[in-house]
Amino acid sequence: MSNQNLLPRRLFTRREVLALGAGIAATAALPIAPAFGAAAPLLTRAIPRSGERLPTIGVGTAIVFDIGEEAARRAERRAVIQTMLDGGARLIDTAPSYGTAETVVGDLLAEMKVRDRLFVATKVRAAGREASIAEMEQSLCRLRTDRIDLMQLHNVGASASDAAAQIALLREWKDKGVFRYIGITHYVESANERMTGLMQREKLDFVQVNYSMAERGVEQRLLAVAAETGTAVLVNLPFGRGKLFSAVRGRPLPAWAAEFDAASWGQFFLKYILAQEAVTCVIPGTDKPEYMADNLNAGRGRLPDAAMRRKMVEFWETLG
């Protein structure tokens, strides 16, 4: 995720949906009674460049892991990470610009002794080679590690030459074994064409984009180019900055959602995205273990087919 100042506290809006829809059995039961049981396998997808498989649900840390030293909140985030691991997922995405989130992630992984079980992604956005090196070294220190699974150029700028130079630096560090994969990110649809061009020119391992039922711009071209170029896709802002939960507040989950094993609104929204085979992993920001468990269930069971996805979009448009 990017630019946390633009992101509402999605979990608050989710809580409202649950409270106002308490009479709806499928939603009120979240996540205690999933449609098919937590023992069902979690969907994984291959990273095209390597064939390594990643579970399709992860966690983002913007806002929700920016909690400093507060012990109670750290304990809750620790439970989020443990729930993710217990549920078969392992990708956690952070950034230096997310306040204390990068440090909190590093501290928790060290305390839990689970670094080797996780796929850790972070970002660099400093301008210039020396500043970028300093920021990346700081990330290694904060994350308490000597390697990062994925380093991403954060909110890639409009200058193609600057982006090429920064990507070249990331590739140097990848060649040295400090990073396993490299990629680029953005959080606004207006950057999609810029990112598409970079995928075509740079043979990146990953691209991270915003994508939700409320913002479907990547469906126009970017996802197809990602598939063509062998670029793995991470999805941030899958709940549309809270817009999706606000739109369905107090509404029952459609009965036909059971046809693709969605037992909550969160699963409904995430399964829409996961139905795109070009999507490798979705990383919603999550601050409570019960929401992590619910998100994980979106990666289990059936996914909507093309006809069902059109029905979901039509349903969404009636809410607007």
Protein backbone atom coordinates (compact mmCIF):
# COMPACT_ATOMS: atom_id res chain seq x y z
CA MET A 1 0.00 0.00 0.00
CA SER A 2 1.03 3.56 -0.52
CA ASN A 3 0.46 7.03 0.85
CA GLN A 4 -1.13 6.06 4.12
CA ASN A 5 -2.56 9.54 4.63
CA LEU A 6 -5.05 8.75 1.86
CA LEU A 7 -6.15 5.47 3.41
CA PRO A 8 -9.06 5.37 5.87
CA ARG A 9 -8.96 2.89 8.69
CA ARG A 10 -10.55 0.13 6.70
CA LEU A 11 -11.08 -2.06 9.75
CA PHE A 12 -13.33 0.53 11.36
CA THR A 13 -15.59 0.49 8.31
CA ARG A 14 -15.54 -3.29 8.33
CA ARG A 15 -16.58 -3.30 11.97
CA GLU A 16 -19.50 -1.04 11.11
CA VAL A 17 -20.62 -3.44 8.41
CA LEU A 18 -20.57 -6.33 10.86
CA ALA A 19 -22.41 -4.41 13.55
CA LEU A 20 -25.13 -3.09 11.26
CA GLY A 21 -25.55 -6.40 9.49
CA ALA A 22 -25.64 -8.48 12.64
CA GLY A 23 -28.91 -10.10 11.61
CA ILE A 24 -27.30 -11.56 8.51
CA ALA A 25 -26.05 -15.02 9.41
CA ALA A 26 -23.18 -15.27 6.93
CA THR A 27 -21.77 -11.90 7.89
CA ALA A 28 -22.51 -12.02 11.57
CA ALA A 29 -20.66 -15.29 11.85
CA LEU A 30 -17.40 -13.83 10.52
CA PRO A 31 -14.99 -15.50 10.78
CA ILE A 32 -16.07 -18.25 13.16
CA ALA A 33 -18.17 -20.17 10.64
CA PRO A 34 -16.52 -20.10 7.19
CA ALA A 35 -18.41 -21.76 4.38
CA PHE A 36 -16.03 -24.68 3.97
CA GLY A 37 -13.73 -24.77 7.00
CA ALA A 38 -10.34 -23.28 7.72
CA ALA A 39 -8.67 -26.62 6.94
CA ALA A 40 -9.30 -26.14 3.21
CA PRO A 41 -6.07 -25.42 1.32
CA LEU A 42 -5.13 -21.82 0.62
CA LEU A 43 -4.81 -21.01 -3.06
CA THR A 44 -1.24 -20.39 -4.21
CA ARG A 45 0.11 -18.95 -7.44
CA ALA A 46 3.55 -19.11 -9.02
CA ILE A 47 5.89 -16.12 -9.27
CA PRO A 48 6.41 -16.23 -13.05
CA ARG A 49 10.16 -15.48 -13.01
CA SER A 50 11.04 -18.27 -10.60
CA GLY A 51 8.13 -20.67 -10.26
CA GLU A 52 8.14 -20.17 -6.47
CA ARG A 53 4.57 -20.39 -5.22
CA LEU A 54 3.03 -17.76 -2.98
CA PRO A 55 -0.25 -17.96 -1.07
CA THR A 56 -2.71 -15.53 -2.61
CA ILE A 57 -3.51 -13.65 0.63
CA GLY A 58 -0.98 -11.56 2.55
CA VAL A 59 -1.04 -8.50 4.77
CA GLY A 60 -0.23 -4.83 4.25
CA THR A 61 1.07 -2.66 7.09
CA ALA A 62 0.30 0.96 6.15
CA ILE A 63 -1.44 2.71 9.08
CA VAL A 64 -2.30 -0.51 10.93
CA PHE A 65 1.29 -1.38 11.92
CA ASP A 66 2.28 2.24 12.57
CA ILE A 67 1.83 1.74 16.31
CA GLY A 68 5.18 2.55 17.89
CA GLU A 69 5.91 0.85 21.20
CA GLU A 70 2.32 0.37 22.43
CA ALA A 71 2.38 -3.11 23.94
CA ALA A 72 -1.30 -4.02 23.57
CA ARG A 73 -1.43 -3.09 19.91
CA ARG A 74 1.85 -4.89 19.23
CA ALA A 75 0.39 -8.02 20.81
CA GLU A 76 -2.63 -7.75 18.52
CA ARG A 77 -0.45 -7.32 15.42
CA ARG A 78 1.63 -10.27 16.56
CA ALA A 79 -1.59 -12.29 16.62
CA VAL A 80 -2.34 -11.11 13.07
CA ILE A 81 1.02 -12.44 11.88
CA GLN A 82 0.55 -15.72 13.75
CA THR A 83 -2.95 -16.14 12.30
CA MET A 84 -1.55 -15.53 8.82
CA LEU A 85 1.16 -18.14 9.29
CA ASP A 86 -1.19 -20.66 10.90
CA GLY A 87 -3.55 -20.19 7.97
CA GLY A 88 -0.89 -20.97 5.39
CA ALA A 89 -0.01 -17.45 4.20
CA ARG A 90 3.35 -15.69 4.45
CA LEU A 91 3.65 -12.37 2.58
CA ILE A 92 3.92 -9.16 4.60
CA ASP A 93 4.39 -5.82 2.84
CA THR A 94 5.72 -2.66 4.45
CA ALA A 95 7.68 0.54 3.66
CA PRO A 96 9.92 3.14 5.32
CA SER A 97 7.23 5.75 4.73
CA TYR A 98 4.66 3.86 6.83
CA GLY A 99 5.76 5.52 10.06
CA THR A 100 6.95 2.92 12.57
CA ALA A 101 5.48 -0.02 10.63
CA GLU A 102 8.78 -1.30 9.22
CA THR A 103 10.36 -1.28 12.70
CA VAL A 104 7.31 -2.95 14.26
CA VAL A 105 7.40 -5.70 11.64
CA GLY A 106 11.10 -6.30 12.24
CA ASP A 107 10.67 -6.40 16.01
CA LEU A 108 7.72 -8.79 15.89
CA LEU A 109 9.36 -11.19 13.44
CA ALA A 110 12.48 -11.28 15.61
CA GLU A 111 10.46 -11.90 18.79
CA MET A 112 8.40 -14.61 17.13
CA LYS A 113 11.47 -16.14 15.44
CA VAL A 114 9.52 -16.53 12.20
CA ARG A 115 11.57 -14.47 9.74
CA ASP A 116 12.45 -17.52 7.64
CA ARG A 117 8.79 -18.48 7.33
CA LEU A 118 7.76 -15.14 5.84
CA PHE A 119 8.08 -13.47 2.48
CA VAL A 120 9.02 -9.89 3.46
CA ALA A 121 8.48 -7.04 1.00
CA THR A 122 9.42 -3.41 1.51
CA LYS A 123 10.11 -0.36 -0.63
CA VAL A 124 12.51 2.48 -1.42
CA ARG A 125 11.50 5.91 -2.63
CA ALA A 126 14.52 8.14 -1.88
CA ALA A 127 15.79 10.10 -4.89
CA GLY A 128 19.35 9.50 -6.05
CA ARG A 129 21.73 6.58 -5.66
CA GLU A 130 23.31 7.45 -2.30
CA ALA A 131 20.02 8.36 -0.65
CA SER A 132 18.45 5.16 -1.97
CA ILE A 133 21.33 3.07 -0.61
CA ALA A 134 20.99 4.73 2.80
CA GLU A 135 17.24 4.06 2.88
CA MET A 136 17.65 0.42 1.87
CA GLU A 137 20.34 -0.12 4.50
CA GLN A 138 17.99 1.41 7.06
CA SER A 139 15.24 -1.00 6.00
CA LEU A 140 17.55 -3.96 6.54
CA CYS A 141 18.32 -2.63 10.01
CA ARG A 142 14.69 -1.98 10.91
CA LEU A 143 13.61 -5.38 9.64
CA ARG A 144 16.47 -7.05 11.52
CA THR A 145 17.53 -9.08 8.50
CA ASP A 146 20.36 -9.36 5.99
CA ARG A 147 18.05 -10.12 3.08
CA ILE A 148 14.71 -8.90 1.80
CA ASP A 149 12.51 -11.08 -0.35
CA LEU A 150 11.11 -8.22 -2.42
CA MET A 151 12.39 -4.64 -2.75
CA GLN A 152 10.08 -2.32 -4.65
CA LEU A 153 10.59 1.13 -6.14
CA HIS A 154 7.85 3.00 -4.28
CA ASN A 155 5.35 5.15 -6.19
CA VAL A 156 7.46 5.11 -9.33
CA GLY A 157 7.83 8.62 -10.78
CA ALA A 158 7.14 9.96 -14.25
CA SER A 159 10.81 10.21 -15.30
CA ALA A 160 11.70 7.09 -17.27
CA SER A 161 15.44 7.73 -16.89
CA ASP A 162 15.20 8.15 -13.11
CA ALA A 163 13.14 4.98 -12.82
CA ALA A 164 15.62 3.06 -14.98
CA ALA A 165 18.55 4.21 -12.80
CA GLN A 166 16.74 3.24 -9.59
CA ILE A 167 15.74 -0.15 -10.97
CA ALA A 168 19.35 -0.73 -12.03
CA LEU A 169 20.43 -0.12 -8.43
CA LEU A 170 17.84 -2.62 -7.15
CA ARG A 171 19.10 -5.12 -9.70
CA GLU A 172 22.67 -4.65 -8.43
CA TRP A 173 21.57 -5.53 -4.91
CA LYS A 174 19.56 -8.46 -6.21
CA ASP A 175 22.64 -9.76 -8.01
CA LYS A 176 24.53 -9.54 -4.70
CA GLY A 177 21.85 -11.65 -3.00
CA VAL A 178 20.46 -8.91 -0.72
CA PHE A 179 17.10 -8.97 -2.54
CA ARG A 180 15.47 -12.05 -3.99
CA TYR A 181 13.08 -10.11 -6.21
CA ILE A 182 12.60 -6.49 -7.33
CA GLY A 183 9.57 -4.53 -8.50
CA ILE A 184 7.70 -1.25 -8.68
CA THR A 185 4.57 0.11 -6.97
CA HIS A 186 1.92 2.77 -7.18
CA TYR A 187 -1.43 3.41 -5.54
CA VAL A 188 -3.30 5.49 -8.17
CA GLU A 189 -4.80 4.40 -11.48
CA SER A 190 -3.21 7.34 -13.32
CA ALA A 191 0.16 5.58 -12.97
CA ASN A 192 -0.97 2.38 -14.71
CA GLU A 193 0.39 3.25 -18.15
CA ARG A 194 3.73 4.30 -16.65
CA MET A 195 3.97 0.99 -14.83
CA THR A 196 2.92 -0.95 -17.91
CA GLY A 197 5.76 0.60 -19.89
CA LEU A 198 8.28 -0.26 -17.20
CA MET A 199 7.11 -3.88 -17.10
CA GLN A 200 7.66 -4.11 -20.84
CA ARG A 201 11.13 -2.51 -20.75
CA GLU A 202 12.65 -3.72 -17.48
CA LYS A 203 11.59 -7.36 -17.05
CA LEU A 204 10.59 -6.80 -13.44
CA ASP A 205 9.78 -9.58 -11.00
CA PHE A 206 6.80 -7.81 -9.38
CA VAL A 207 4.43 -4.92 -9.82
CA GLN A 208 2.17 -3.66 -7.01
CA VAL A 209 -1.04 -1.85 -7.96
CA ASN A 210 -4.29 -0.66 -6.46
CA TYR A 211 -7.22 -2.78 -7.55
CA SER A 212 -10.72 -3.25 -6.21
CA MET A 213 -14.28 -3.47 -7.44
CA ALA A 214 -14.36 0.32 -7.04
CA GLU A 215 -11.16 0.86 -9.06
CA ARG A 216 -10.86 -1.56 -11.95
CA GLY A 217 -8.44 0.34 -14.20
CA VAL A 218 -5.85 -2.47 -14.18
CA GLU A 219 -8.34 -4.67 -16.01
CA GLN A 220 -8.04 -2.50 -19.12
CA ARG A 221 -4.42 -3.36 -19.94
CA LEU A 222 -2.03 -3.70 -17.02
CA LEU A 223 -2.99 -7.21 -15.91
CA ALA A 224 -2.70 -8.52 -19.45
CA VAL A 225 0.75 -6.98 -19.84
CA ALA A 226 1.81 -8.44 -16.49
CA ALA A 227 0.84 -11.89 -17.76
CA GLU A 228 2.61 -11.29 -21.08
CA THR A 229 5.83 -10.10 -19.44
CA GLY A 230 5.91 -12.69 -16.65
CA THR A 231 5.47 -10.12 -13.89
CA ALA A 232 3.92 -11.14 -10.57
CA VAL A 233 1.14 -8.83 -9.34
CA LEU A 234 0.55 -7.67 -5.77
CA VAL A 235 -2.72 -5.84 -5.08
CA ASN A 236 -3.07 -3.06 -2.54
CA LEU A 237 -6.22 -1.16 -1.52
CA PRO A 238 -8.49 -4.15 -2.30
CA PHE A 239 -11.36 -2.54 -0.41
CA GLY A 240 -11.15 0.75 -2.32
CA ARG A 241 -9.97 2.90 0.62
CA GLY A 242 -12.98 1.70 2.61
CA LYS A 243 -15.45 2.64 -0.14
CA LEU A 244 -16.63 -0.95 -0.63
CA PHE A 245 -17.53 -1.57 2.99
CA SER A 246 -19.26 1.80 3.21
CA ALA A 247 -21.39 0.96 0.17
CA VAL A 248 -22.66 -2.32 1.64
CA ARG A 249 -23.13 -1.14 5.20
CA GLY A 250 -26.29 -2.75 6.56
CA ARG A 251 -26.89 -4.80 3.39
CA PRO A 252 -27.19 -8.58 3.34
CA LEU A 253 -24.65 -10.60 1.41
CA PRO A 254 -26.35 -11.83 -1.79
CA ALA A 255 -27.40 -15.47 -1.58
CA TRP A 256 -25.58 -16.15 -4.85
CA ALA A 257 -22.25 -15.32 -3.17
CA ALA A 258 -22.38 -18.88 -1.83
CA GLU A 259 -21.79 -20.08 -5.41
CA PHE A 260 -18.14 -19.03 -5.04
CA ASP A 261 -17.84 -19.76 -1.32
CA ALA A 262 -17.96 -16.15 -0.09
CA ALA A 263 -19.29 -16.03 3.48
CA SER A 264 -18.60 -12.34 4.21
CA TRP A 265 -18.34 -9.04 2.38
CA GLY A 266 -14.58 -9.08 2.80
CA GLN A 267 -14.38 -12.45 1.06
CA PHE A 268 -16.78 -11.24 -1.65
CA PHE A 269 -14.50 -8.29 -2.49
CA LEU A 270 -11.25 -10.26 -2.32
CA LYS A 271 -12.52 -13.17 -4.40
CA TYR A 272 -13.46 -10.75 -7.17
CA ILE A 273 -9.77 -9.77 -7.41
CA LEU A 274 -8.38 -13.29 -6.98
CA ALA A 275 -10.50 -14.49 -9.88
CA GLN A 276 -7.98 -12.69 -12.09
CA GLU A 277 -5.30 -15.30 -12.70
CA ALA A 278 -2.65 -12.60 -13.28
CA VAL A 279 -3.01 -11.55 -9.62
CA THR A 280 -0.41 -13.28 -7.46
CA CYS A 281 -1.29 -12.00 -3.99
CA VAL A 282 -3.67 -9.49 -2.37
CA ILE A 283 -2.35 -7.56 0.66
CA PRO A 284 -5.16 -5.87 2.62
CA GLY A 285 -4.10 -3.89 5.68
CA THR A 286 -5.21 -5.85 8.74
CA ASP A 287 -5.04 -5.06 12.45
CA LYS A 288 -7.05 -7.88 14.04
CA PRO A 289 -6.53 -11.65 13.86
CA GLU A 290 -10.23 -12.32 13.20
CA TYR A 291 -10.07 -10.13 10.09
CA MET A 292 -6.90 -11.90 9.00
CA ALA A 293 -8.73 -15.21 9.33
CA ASP A 294 -11.62 -13.88 7.26
CA ASN A 295 -9.28 -12.59 4.57
CA LEU A 296 -7.56 -15.98 4.39
CA ASN A 297 -10.87 -17.67 3.69
CA ALA A 298 -11.14 -15.60 0.51
CA GLY A 299 -8.23 -17.68 -0.75
CA ARG A 300 -10.06 -20.95 -0.12
CA GLY A 301 -12.80 -22.66 -2.06
CA ARG A 302 -14.22 -21.59 -5.39
CA LEU A 303 -13.63 -18.31 -7.20
CA PRO A 304 -16.16 -16.50 -9.40
CA ASP A 305 -15.97 -17.23 -13.12
CA ALA A 306 -16.18 -14.52 -15.80
CA ALA A 307 -19.98 -14.52 -15.87
CA MET A 308 -20.17 -14.26 -12.09
CA ARG A 309 -17.63 -11.44 -12.05
CA ARG A 310 -19.84 -9.50 -14.46
CA LYS A 311 -22.77 -10.12 -12.13
CA MET A 312 -20.70 -8.83 -9.20
CA VAL A 313 -19.81 -5.66 -11.12
CA GLU A 314 -23.45 -5.12 -12.05
CA PHE A 315 -24.38 -5.54 -8.40
CA TRP A 316 -21.69 -3.07 -7.35
CA GLU A 317 -22.89 -0.52 -9.89
CA THR A 318 -26.40 -0.65 -8.44
CA LEU A 319 -24.92 0.46 -5.11
CA GLY A 320 -23.28 3.54 -6.58
